[in-house]
Amino acid sequence: MANILIIYSTTDGHTKKICSTIQTQLIAKGDDVKLVSVTSANTEELESFDKLVVGASIRYGKHSKQVRSFVSANKGALDSKPNAFFSVNVVARKPEKNTPETNPYISKFLEQVPWRPKHLGVFAGVINYQIYGFFDRLMIRFIMWMTKGPTDPSSNVEFTDWARVDEFATLVHEM
């Protein structure tokens, strides 16, 4: 049984949903798991956990500045324990971009931070036009049009492969 901290950054809530699913899977395996937003993660608290996981969403091609700052500031604590990072992005809906080795946002993130996670994951996200404001709806529809994704402004399309999320939870449990 391990004491695991999952730190997340989410834009519209889907990354938190994925983290909650991982948390549920880990608890079922006997682990103690705490879930916390990157904006309220306590640096001193990192030392009290056996394993650390960071999950972050993409918006307009970038992980949040808070995630990049957090992992840069806490590289030592992250490196001192079994750790993992995963990215949630809609480009991962494409088979040729749905692995850590082929996903451009994982590569870009690793170029921007000094941390080298021991384990990586990537999950396709969701397009939910109903919850976006006018500007985001317009921009995301344009991006989806360019990348041959869903553009119907009344649609809500979830691309997440939940079996892969379960596999990642098992990886975290076993690391």
N, C-alpha and C. Protein backbone atom coordinates (compact mmCIF):
# COMPACT_ATOMS: atom_id res chain seq x y z
N MET A 1 0.85 -1.19 0.00
CA MET A 1 0.00 0.00 0.00
C MET A 1 0.89 1.24 0.00
N ALA A 2 0.64 2.12 -0.95
CA ALA A 2 1.43 3.34 -1.07
C ALA A 2 0.57 4.57 -0.78
N ASN A 3 1.23 5.62 -0.39
CA ASN A 3 0.61 6.91 -0.17
C ASN A 3 0.93 7.77 -1.40
N ILE A 4 -0.09 8.06 -2.22
CA ILE A 4 0.13 8.67 -3.53
C ILE A 4 -0.55 10.04 -3.60
N LEU A 5 0.18 11.01 -4.16
CA LEU A 5 -0.37 12.34 -4.41
C LEU A 5 -0.54 12.52 -5.91
N ILE A 6 -1.76 12.88 -6.32
CA ILE A 6 -2.03 13.20 -7.72
C ILE A 6 -2.30 14.70 -7.79
N ILE A 7 -1.46 15.39 -8.55
CA ILE A 7 -1.57 16.83 -8.72
C ILE A 7 -2.09 17.07 -10.14
N TYR A 8 -3.12 17.88 -10.26
CA TYR A 8 -3.71 18.06 -11.58
C TYR A 8 -3.88 19.54 -11.93
N SER A 9 -3.90 19.77 -13.23
CA SER A 9 -4.25 21.07 -13.79
C SER A 9 -5.32 20.79 -14.85
N THR A 10 -6.46 21.45 -14.72
CA THR A 10 -7.56 21.21 -15.64
C THR A 10 -8.14 22.54 -16.09
N THR A 11 -8.61 22.58 -17.31
CA THR A 11 -9.22 23.79 -17.84
C THR A 11 -10.73 23.73 -17.71
N ASP A 12 -11.31 22.63 -18.17
CA ASP A 12 -12.77 22.49 -18.15
C ASP A 12 -13.24 21.32 -17.29
N GLY A 13 -12.34 20.69 -16.54
CA GLY A 13 -12.73 19.65 -15.61
C GLY A 13 -12.45 18.23 -16.05
N HIS A 14 -12.10 18.01 -17.31
CA HIS A 14 -11.92 16.63 -17.77
C HIS A 14 -10.65 15.99 -17.20
N THR A 15 -9.59 16.73 -17.06
CA THR A 15 -8.37 16.17 -16.47
C THR A 15 -8.63 15.78 -15.03
N LYS A 16 -9.39 16.57 -14.30
CA LYS A 16 -9.75 16.20 -12.93
C LYS A 16 -10.58 14.92 -12.93
N LYS A 17 -11.47 14.77 -13.89
CA LYS A 17 -12.26 13.54 -14.01
C LYS A 17 -11.35 12.33 -14.23
N ILE A 18 -10.36 12.48 -15.09
CA ILE A 18 -9.40 11.39 -15.32
C ILE A 18 -8.62 11.09 -14.04
N CYS A 19 -8.18 12.13 -13.34
CA CYS A 19 -7.46 11.94 -12.07
C CYS A 19 -8.33 11.25 -11.03
N SER A 20 -9.59 11.61 -10.97
CA SER A 20 -10.51 10.97 -10.03
C SER A 20 -10.68 9.49 -10.36
N THR A 21 -10.71 9.17 -11.64
CA THR A 21 -10.80 7.76 -12.05
C THR A 21 -9.55 7.00 -11.63
N ILE A 22 -8.39 7.60 -11.84
CA ILE A 22 -7.13 6.97 -11.41
C ILE A 22 -7.14 6.79 -9.89
N GLN A 23 -7.57 7.83 -9.18
CA GLN A 23 -7.66 7.76 -7.72
C GLN A 23 -8.54 6.59 -7.29
N THR A 24 -9.71 6.46 -7.89
CA THR A 24 -10.63 5.37 -7.54
C THR A 24 -9.99 4.01 -7.79
N GLN A 25 -9.30 3.87 -8.93
CA GLN A 25 -8.62 2.61 -9.25
C GLN A 25 -7.54 2.29 -8.23
N LEU A 26 -6.76 3.29 -7.84
CA LEU A 26 -5.67 3.08 -6.88
C LEU A 26 -6.21 2.73 -5.50
N ILE A 27 -7.26 3.39 -5.08
CA ILE A 27 -7.86 3.09 -3.78
C ILE A 27 -8.38 1.65 -3.77
N ALA A 28 -8.97 1.22 -4.89
CA ALA A 28 -9.45 -0.16 -5.00
C ALA A 28 -8.30 -1.17 -4.88
N LYS A 29 -7.09 -0.74 -5.24
CA LYS A 29 -5.90 -1.61 -5.14
C LYS A 29 -5.24 -1.52 -3.76
N GLY A 30 -5.81 -0.69 -2.87
CA GLY A 30 -5.30 -0.60 -1.52
C GLY A 30 -4.42 0.60 -1.22
N ASP A 31 -4.25 1.49 -2.17
CA ASP A 31 -3.41 2.67 -1.95
C ASP A 31 -4.20 3.78 -1.28
N ASP A 32 -3.50 4.66 -0.57
CA ASP A 32 -4.08 5.90 -0.06
C ASP A 32 -3.74 6.98 -1.10
N VAL A 33 -4.75 7.72 -1.53
CA VAL A 33 -4.53 8.67 -2.62
C VAL A 33 -5.16 10.01 -2.28
N LYS A 34 -4.38 11.06 -2.46
CA LYS A 34 -4.88 12.41 -2.31
C LYS A 34 -4.82 13.09 -3.67
N LEU A 35 -5.88 13.80 -4.00
CA LEU A 35 -6.00 14.52 -5.26
C LEU A 35 -6.00 16.01 -4.95
N VAL A 36 -5.13 16.79 -5.62
CA VAL A 36 -5.03 18.21 -5.33
C VAL A 36 -4.72 18.99 -6.62
N SER A 37 -5.31 20.16 -6.74
CA SER A 37 -5.04 21.05 -7.87
C SER A 37 -3.62 21.60 -7.76
N VAL A 38 -2.99 21.81 -8.90
CA VAL A 38 -1.64 22.36 -8.92
C VAL A 38 -1.60 23.74 -8.25
N THR A 39 -2.70 24.47 -8.29
CA THR A 39 -2.72 25.80 -7.68
C THR A 39 -2.77 25.74 -6.15
N SER A 40 -3.12 24.59 -5.59
CA SER A 40 -3.14 24.48 -4.14
C SER A 40 -2.18 23.41 -3.62
N ALA A 41 -1.33 22.90 -4.49
CA ALA A 41 -0.34 21.90 -4.07
C ALA A 41 0.67 22.54 -3.14
N ASN A 42 0.97 21.86 -2.07
CA ASN A 42 1.88 22.35 -1.05
C ASN A 42 3.24 21.68 -1.24
N THR A 43 4.25 22.47 -1.55
CA THR A 43 5.59 21.95 -1.82
C THR A 43 6.11 21.10 -0.67
N GLU A 44 5.92 21.54 0.56
CA GLU A 44 6.42 20.78 1.71
C GLU A 44 5.71 19.44 1.85
N GLU A 45 4.47 19.40 1.41
CA GLU A 45 3.66 18.19 1.52
C GLU A 45 4.18 17.06 0.62
N LEU A 46 4.88 17.39 -0.45
CA LEU A 46 5.36 16.38 -1.39
C LEU A 46 6.20 15.30 -0.71
N GLU A 47 6.97 15.71 0.29
CA GLU A 47 7.86 14.78 0.99
C GLU A 47 7.11 13.67 1.72
N SER A 48 5.86 13.91 2.09
CA SER A 48 5.11 12.93 2.88
C SER A 48 4.46 11.84 2.03
N PHE A 49 4.64 11.88 0.71
CA PHE A 49 4.03 10.88 -0.17
C PHE A 49 5.08 9.94 -0.73
N ASP A 50 4.65 8.70 -1.00
CA ASP A 50 5.55 7.69 -1.56
C ASP A 50 5.71 7.84 -3.07
N LYS A 51 4.64 8.27 -3.74
CA LYS A 51 4.63 8.39 -5.19
C LYS A 51 3.93 9.69 -5.57
N LEU A 52 4.38 10.28 -6.69
CA LEU A 52 3.81 11.55 -7.15
C LEU A 52 3.40 11.43 -8.62
N VAL A 53 2.20 11.93 -8.91
CA VAL A 53 1.67 11.91 -10.27
C VAL A 53 1.20 13.33 -10.60
N VAL A 54 1.54 13.79 -11.79
CA VAL A 54 1.08 15.09 -12.27
C VAL A 54 0.31 14.86 -13.57
N GLY A 55 -0.91 15.41 -13.62
CA GLY A 55 -1.73 15.33 -14.82
C GLY A 55 -2.12 16.73 -15.26
N ALA A 56 -2.01 17.02 -16.55
CA ALA A 56 -2.26 18.38 -17.01
C ALA A 56 -2.94 18.39 -18.37
N SER A 57 -3.86 19.33 -18.52
CA SER A 57 -4.57 19.50 -19.78
C SER A 57 -3.87 20.52 -20.67
N ILE A 58 -4.26 20.49 -21.92
CA ILE A 58 -3.76 21.42 -22.93
C ILE A 58 -4.87 22.39 -23.30
N ARG A 59 -4.54 23.65 -23.48
CA ARG A 59 -5.46 24.61 -24.09
C ARG A 59 -4.63 25.47 -25.02
N TYR A 60 -5.03 25.55 -26.25
CA TYR A 60 -4.34 26.31 -27.29
C TYR A 60 -2.87 25.92 -27.41
N GLY A 61 -2.62 24.62 -27.32
CA GLY A 61 -1.29 24.10 -27.57
C GLY A 61 -0.31 24.15 -26.42
N LYS A 62 -0.78 24.50 -25.21
CA LYS A 62 0.15 24.62 -24.10
C LYS A 62 -0.43 24.02 -22.82
N HIS A 63 0.46 23.47 -22.01
CA HIS A 63 0.10 23.14 -20.64
C HIS A 63 0.12 24.46 -19.86
N SER A 64 -0.60 24.52 -18.78
CA SER A 64 -0.69 25.78 -18.03
C SER A 64 0.67 26.19 -17.47
N LYS A 65 0.83 27.49 -17.35
CA LYS A 65 2.05 28.05 -16.77
C LYS A 65 2.26 27.54 -15.35
N GLN A 66 1.15 27.34 -14.60
CA GLN A 66 1.26 26.85 -13.22
C GLN A 66 1.89 25.46 -13.17
N VAL A 67 1.56 24.60 -14.13
CA VAL A 67 2.15 23.26 -14.16
C VAL A 67 3.63 23.35 -14.44
N ARG A 68 3.99 24.12 -15.44
CA ARG A 68 5.42 24.26 -15.77
C ARG A 68 6.19 24.83 -14.59
N SER A 69 5.64 25.85 -13.93
CA SER A 69 6.30 26.45 -12.77
C SER A 69 6.40 25.45 -11.62
N PHE A 70 5.32 24.72 -11.37
CA PHE A 70 5.30 23.76 -10.27
C PHE A 70 6.36 22.68 -10.46
N VAL A 71 6.41 22.05 -11.63
CA VAL A 71 7.37 20.97 -11.82
C VAL A 71 8.80 21.50 -11.83
N SER A 72 9.00 22.70 -12.35
CA SER A 72 10.35 23.28 -12.33
C SER A 72 10.79 23.57 -10.90
N ALA A 73 9.89 24.12 -10.09
CA ALA A 73 10.21 24.47 -8.70
C ALA A 73 10.36 23.24 -7.81
N ASN A 74 9.75 22.13 -8.21
CA ASN A 74 9.73 20.94 -7.35
C ASN A 74 10.44 19.74 -7.97
N LYS A 75 11.33 20.02 -8.91
CA LYS A 75 12.03 18.95 -9.60
C LYS A 75 12.71 17.98 -8.63
N GLY A 76 13.37 18.50 -7.63
CA GLY A 76 14.07 17.64 -6.67
C GLY A 76 13.14 16.69 -5.94
N ALA A 77 12.03 17.21 -5.45
CA ALA A 77 11.06 16.36 -4.74
C ALA A 77 10.44 15.34 -5.69
N LEU A 78 10.13 15.78 -6.90
CA LEU A 78 9.54 14.85 -7.88
C LEU A 78 10.53 13.74 -8.24
N ASP A 79 11.79 14.10 -8.44
CA ASP A 79 12.80 13.11 -8.82
C ASP A 79 13.13 12.14 -7.70
N SER A 80 12.87 12.53 -6.46
CA SER A 80 13.25 11.70 -5.32
C SER A 80 12.30 10.53 -5.07
N LYS A 81 11.22 10.47 -5.85
CA LYS A 81 10.20 9.44 -5.62
C LYS A 81 9.78 8.83 -6.95
N PRO A 82 9.16 7.65 -6.91
CA PRO A 82 8.52 7.16 -8.13
C PRO A 82 7.51 8.20 -8.59
N ASN A 83 7.53 8.51 -9.88
CA ASN A 83 6.68 9.60 -10.36
C ASN A 83 6.19 9.33 -11.78
N ALA A 84 5.15 10.07 -12.14
CA ALA A 84 4.59 9.96 -13.49
C ALA A 84 3.96 11.29 -13.88
N PHE A 85 3.89 11.50 -15.18
CA PHE A 85 3.23 12.67 -15.74
C PHE A 85 2.34 12.21 -16.87
N PHE A 86 1.15 12.81 -16.97
CA PHE A 86 0.33 12.56 -18.15
C PHE A 86 -0.29 13.86 -18.64
N SER A 87 -0.52 13.88 -19.95
CA SER A 87 -1.11 15.02 -20.62
C SER A 87 -2.47 14.61 -21.17
N VAL A 88 -3.41 15.54 -21.11
CA VAL A 88 -4.74 15.32 -21.69
C VAL A 88 -4.90 16.34 -22.80
N ASN A 89 -5.06 15.84 -24.02
CA ASN A 89 -5.22 16.74 -25.16
C ASN A 89 -6.00 16.06 -26.27
N VAL A 90 -6.71 16.86 -27.04
CA VAL A 90 -7.59 16.32 -28.08
C VAL A 90 -6.80 15.78 -29.27
N VAL A 91 -5.59 16.26 -29.49
CA VAL A 91 -4.80 15.73 -30.60
C VAL A 91 -4.51 14.24 -30.38
N ALA A 92 -4.54 13.79 -29.15
CA ALA A 92 -4.30 12.37 -28.83
C ALA A 92 -5.45 11.48 -29.30
N ARG A 93 -6.50 12.07 -29.88
CA ARG A 93 -7.57 11.27 -30.46
C ARG A 93 -7.08 10.56 -31.72
N LYS A 94 -6.00 11.05 -32.28
CA LYS A 94 -5.44 10.49 -33.51
C LYS A 94 -4.45 9.38 -33.15
N PRO A 95 -4.62 8.20 -33.75
CA PRO A 95 -3.74 7.07 -33.41
C PRO A 95 -2.25 7.37 -33.54
N GLU A 96 -1.89 8.22 -34.50
CA GLU A 96 -0.47 8.51 -34.70
C GLU A 96 0.08 9.53 -33.70
N LYS A 97 -0.79 10.03 -32.78
CA LYS A 97 -0.33 11.01 -31.78
C LYS A 97 -0.82 10.67 -30.38
N ASN A 98 -1.11 9.40 -30.12
CA ASN A 98 -1.71 9.04 -28.83
C ASN A 98 -0.78 8.28 -27.90
N THR A 99 0.52 8.39 -28.12
CA THR A 99 1.48 7.80 -27.19
C THR A 99 2.43 8.90 -26.71
N PRO A 100 3.08 8.69 -25.58
CA PRO A 100 4.04 9.70 -25.11
C PRO A 100 5.16 9.97 -26.12
N GLU A 101 5.51 8.97 -26.90
CA GLU A 101 6.59 9.13 -27.87
C GLU A 101 6.15 9.92 -29.11
N THR A 102 4.85 9.90 -29.41
CA THR A 102 4.38 10.55 -30.64
C THR A 102 3.54 11.79 -30.40
N ASN A 103 3.21 12.09 -29.16
CA ASN A 103 2.36 13.23 -28.87
C ASN A 103 3.20 14.51 -28.83
N PRO A 104 2.88 15.49 -29.67
CA PRO A 104 3.71 16.70 -29.72
C PRO A 104 3.68 17.52 -28.44
N TYR A 105 2.60 17.44 -27.68
CA TYR A 105 2.51 18.25 -26.46
C TYR A 105 3.35 17.68 -25.33
N ILE A 106 3.52 16.37 -25.29
CA ILE A 106 4.44 15.78 -24.31
C ILE A 106 5.86 16.23 -24.64
N SER A 107 6.24 16.13 -25.90
CA SER A 107 7.59 16.55 -26.31
C SER A 107 7.84 18.01 -25.98
N LYS A 108 6.87 18.85 -26.30
CA LYS A 108 7.01 20.28 -26.04
C LYS A 108 7.13 20.56 -24.54
N PHE A 109 6.32 19.89 -23.73
CA PHE A 109 6.37 20.07 -22.28
C PHE A 109 7.76 19.69 -21.76
N LEU A 110 8.28 18.55 -22.19
CA LEU A 110 9.58 18.09 -21.71
C LEU A 110 10.72 19.01 -22.14
N GLU A 111 10.54 19.73 -23.24
CA GLU A 111 11.54 20.72 -23.65
C GLU A 111 11.50 21.96 -22.76
N GLN A 112 10.35 22.23 -22.14
CA GLN A 112 10.17 23.46 -21.36
C GLN A 112 10.50 23.32 -19.88
N VAL A 113 10.63 22.11 -19.39
CA VAL A 113 10.87 21.91 -17.96
C VAL A 113 12.11 21.04 -17.75
N PRO A 114 12.77 21.18 -16.59
CA PRO A 114 13.96 20.37 -16.31
C PRO A 114 13.64 18.94 -15.85
N TRP A 115 12.41 18.70 -15.47
CA TRP A 115 11.99 17.39 -14.93
C TRP A 115 11.86 16.35 -16.03
N ARG A 116 12.32 15.14 -15.76
CA ARG A 116 12.14 14.00 -16.66
C ARG A 116 11.36 12.93 -15.90
N PRO A 117 10.04 12.93 -16.07
CA PRO A 117 9.22 11.94 -15.35
C PRO A 117 9.67 10.52 -15.65
N LYS A 118 9.56 9.67 -14.65
CA LYS A 118 9.94 8.26 -14.83
C LYS A 118 8.94 7.53 -15.70
N HIS A 119 7.69 7.95 -15.66
CA HIS A 119 6.64 7.33 -16.47
C HIS A 119 5.80 8.43 -17.12
N LEU A 120 5.39 8.19 -18.36
CA LEU A 120 4.58 9.16 -19.10
C LEU A 120 3.31 8.52 -19.62
N GLY A 121 2.27 9.34 -19.72
CA GLY A 121 1.02 8.90 -20.31
C GLY A 121 0.39 10.04 -21.07
N VAL A 122 -0.49 9.71 -21.99
CA VAL A 122 -1.23 10.72 -22.73
C VAL A 122 -2.63 10.16 -22.99
N PHE A 123 -3.62 11.01 -22.77
CA PHE A 123 -5.01 10.61 -22.98
C PHE A 123 -5.72 11.66 -23.82
N ALA A 124 -6.55 11.17 -24.72
CA ALA A 124 -7.37 12.09 -25.51
C ALA A 124 -8.41 12.72 -24.58
N GLY A 125 -8.73 13.96 -24.86
CA GLY A 125 -9.66 14.70 -24.01
C GLY A 125 -11.07 14.71 -24.55
N VAL A 126 -11.71 15.86 -24.38
CA VAL A 126 -13.11 16.00 -24.74
C VAL A 126 -13.31 17.36 -25.42
N ILE A 127 -14.25 17.40 -26.34
CA ILE A 127 -14.70 18.66 -26.93
C ILE A 127 -16.15 18.82 -26.49
N ASN A 128 -16.42 19.86 -25.72
CA ASN A 128 -17.78 20.10 -25.21
C ASN A 128 -18.12 21.56 -25.49
N TYR A 129 -18.61 21.80 -26.69
CA TYR A 129 -18.86 23.18 -27.11
C TYR A 129 -19.84 23.92 -26.23
N GLN A 130 -20.77 23.22 -25.58
CA GLN A 130 -21.79 23.90 -24.78
C GLN A 130 -21.21 24.66 -23.59
N ILE A 131 -20.08 24.21 -23.07
CA ILE A 131 -19.53 24.87 -21.87
C ILE A 131 -18.55 25.99 -22.20
N TYR A 132 -18.14 26.10 -23.46
CA TYR A 132 -17.17 27.12 -23.83
C TYR A 132 -17.84 28.47 -24.01
N GLY A 133 -17.12 29.51 -23.66
CA GLY A 133 -17.57 30.86 -23.97
C GLY A 133 -17.45 31.10 -25.47
N PHE A 134 -17.94 32.26 -25.90
CA PHE A 134 -17.98 32.57 -27.33
C PHE A 134 -16.61 32.45 -27.99
N PHE A 135 -15.59 33.08 -27.42
CA PHE A 135 -14.26 33.08 -28.03
C PHE A 135 -13.68 31.67 -28.09
N ASP A 136 -13.73 30.94 -26.97
CA ASP A 136 -13.19 29.58 -26.95
C ASP A 136 -13.93 28.69 -27.95
N ARG A 137 -15.25 28.80 -28.01
CA ARG A 137 -16.03 27.99 -28.94
C ARG A 137 -15.58 28.27 -30.38
N LEU A 138 -15.43 29.55 -30.70
CA LEU A 138 -15.00 29.94 -32.04
C LEU A 138 -13.60 29.40 -32.36
N MET A 139 -12.67 29.59 -31.46
CA MET A 139 -11.29 29.17 -31.68
C MET A 139 -11.18 27.64 -31.76
N ILE A 140 -11.85 26.96 -30.85
CA ILE A 140 -11.76 25.49 -30.84
C ILE A 140 -12.43 24.90 -32.07
N ARG A 141 -13.54 25.48 -32.51
CA ARG A 141 -14.18 25.01 -33.75
C ARG A 141 -13.23 25.20 -34.94
N PHE A 142 -12.54 26.33 -34.97
CA PHE A 142 -11.58 26.58 -36.06
C PHE A 142 -10.45 25.55 -36.02
N ILE A 143 -9.91 25.30 -34.84
CA ILE A 143 -8.84 24.30 -34.70
C ILE A 143 -9.35 22.92 -35.12
N MET A 144 -10.55 22.57 -34.69
CA MET A 144 -11.13 21.28 -35.06
C MET A 144 -11.38 21.19 -36.57
N TRP A 145 -11.80 22.27 -37.16
CA TRP A 145 -12.01 22.29 -38.61
C TRP A 145 -10.68 22.02 -39.33
N MET A 146 -9.62 22.68 -38.86
CA MET A 146 -8.30 22.52 -39.48
C MET A 146 -7.77 21.10 -39.30
N THR A 147 -8.11 20.46 -38.18
CA THR A 147 -7.56 19.13 -37.87
C THR A 147 -8.58 18.01 -38.11
N LYS A 148 -9.67 18.35 -38.80
CA LYS A 148 -10.71 17.38 -39.16
C LYS A 148 -11.36 16.73 -37.95
N GLY A 149 -11.61 17.56 -36.93
CA GLY A 149 -12.30 17.10 -35.73
C GLY A 149 -13.75 17.57 -35.75
N PRO A 150 -14.49 17.33 -34.68
CA PRO A 150 -15.89 17.74 -34.62
C PRO A 150 -16.05 19.25 -34.55
N THR A 151 -16.95 19.79 -35.34
CA THR A 151 -17.16 21.24 -35.37
C THR A 151 -18.60 21.64 -35.05
N ASP A 152 -19.50 20.69 -34.86
CA ASP A 152 -20.89 21.00 -34.54
C ASP A 152 -20.94 21.69 -33.18
N PRO A 153 -21.37 22.96 -33.12
CA PRO A 153 -21.35 23.70 -31.85
C PRO A 153 -22.31 23.15 -30.80
N SER A 154 -23.15 22.20 -31.15
CA SER A 154 -24.04 21.60 -30.15
C SER A 154 -23.50 20.26 -29.66
N SER A 155 -22.31 19.87 -30.13
CA SER A 155 -21.79 18.54 -29.80
C SER A 155 -20.98 18.53 -28.51
N ASN A 156 -20.89 17.34 -27.96
CA ASN A 156 -20.07 17.02 -26.81
C ASN A 156 -19.44 15.67 -27.12
N VAL A 157 -18.17 15.67 -27.49
CA VAL A 157 -17.52 14.45 -27.94
C VAL A 157 -16.36 14.12 -26.99
N GLU A 158 -16.46 12.97 -26.36
CA GLU A 158 -15.39 12.51 -25.46
C GLU A 158 -14.56 11.48 -26.20
N PHE A 159 -13.26 11.73 -26.28
CA PHE A 159 -12.34 10.85 -26.99
C PHE A 159 -11.55 9.94 -26.04
N THR A 160 -11.68 10.12 -24.74
CA THR A 160 -10.86 9.41 -23.77
C THR A 160 -11.06 7.90 -23.85
N ASP A 161 -9.96 7.19 -23.91
CA ASP A 161 -9.96 5.73 -23.86
C ASP A 161 -9.78 5.35 -22.38
N TRP A 162 -10.89 5.03 -21.73
CA TRP A 162 -10.87 4.78 -20.29
C TRP A 162 -10.10 3.51 -19.93
N ALA A 163 -9.99 2.58 -20.84
CA ALA A 163 -9.18 1.39 -20.58
C ALA A 163 -7.70 1.77 -20.45
N ARG A 164 -7.26 2.75 -21.24
CA ARG A 164 -5.88 3.23 -21.14
C ARG A 164 -5.66 3.97 -19.83
N VAL A 165 -6.68 4.68 -19.36
CA VAL A 165 -6.59 5.34 -18.05
C VAL A 165 -6.43 4.28 -16.96
N ASP A 166 -7.19 3.21 -17.04
CA ASP A 166 -7.08 2.12 -16.07
C ASP A 166 -5.68 1.49 -16.11
N GLU A 167 -5.13 1.31 -17.32
CA GLU A 167 -3.78 0.76 -17.45
C GLU A 167 -2.75 1.69 -16.80
N PHE A 168 -2.94 2.98 -16.96
CA PHE A 168 -2.03 3.95 -16.35
C PHE A 168 -2.13 3.87 -14.82
N ALA A 169 -3.34 3.72 -14.31
CA ALA A 169 -3.51 3.57 -12.85
C ALA A 169 -2.76 2.34 -12.35
N THR A 170 -2.83 1.26 -13.10
CA THR A 170 -2.09 0.05 -12.72
C THR A 170 -0.59 0.32 -12.74
N LEU A 171 -0.12 1.03 -13.75
CA LEU A 171 1.30 1.39 -13.82
C LEU A 171 1.72 2.18 -12.59
N VAL A 172 0.89 3.16 -12.19
CA VAL A 172 1.18 3.97 -11.01
C VAL A 172 1.22 3.09 -9.76
N HIS A 173 0.27 2.20 -9.64
CA HIS A 173 0.23 1.30 -8.48
C HIS A 173 1.50 0.46 -8.39
N GLU A 174 1.98 0.00 -9.55
CA GLU A 174 3.14 -0.91 -9.58
C GLU A 174 4.49 -0.21 -9.59
N MET A 175 4.53 1.09 -9.82
CA MET A 175 5.83 1.77 -9.92
C MET A 175 6.49 1.94 -8.56
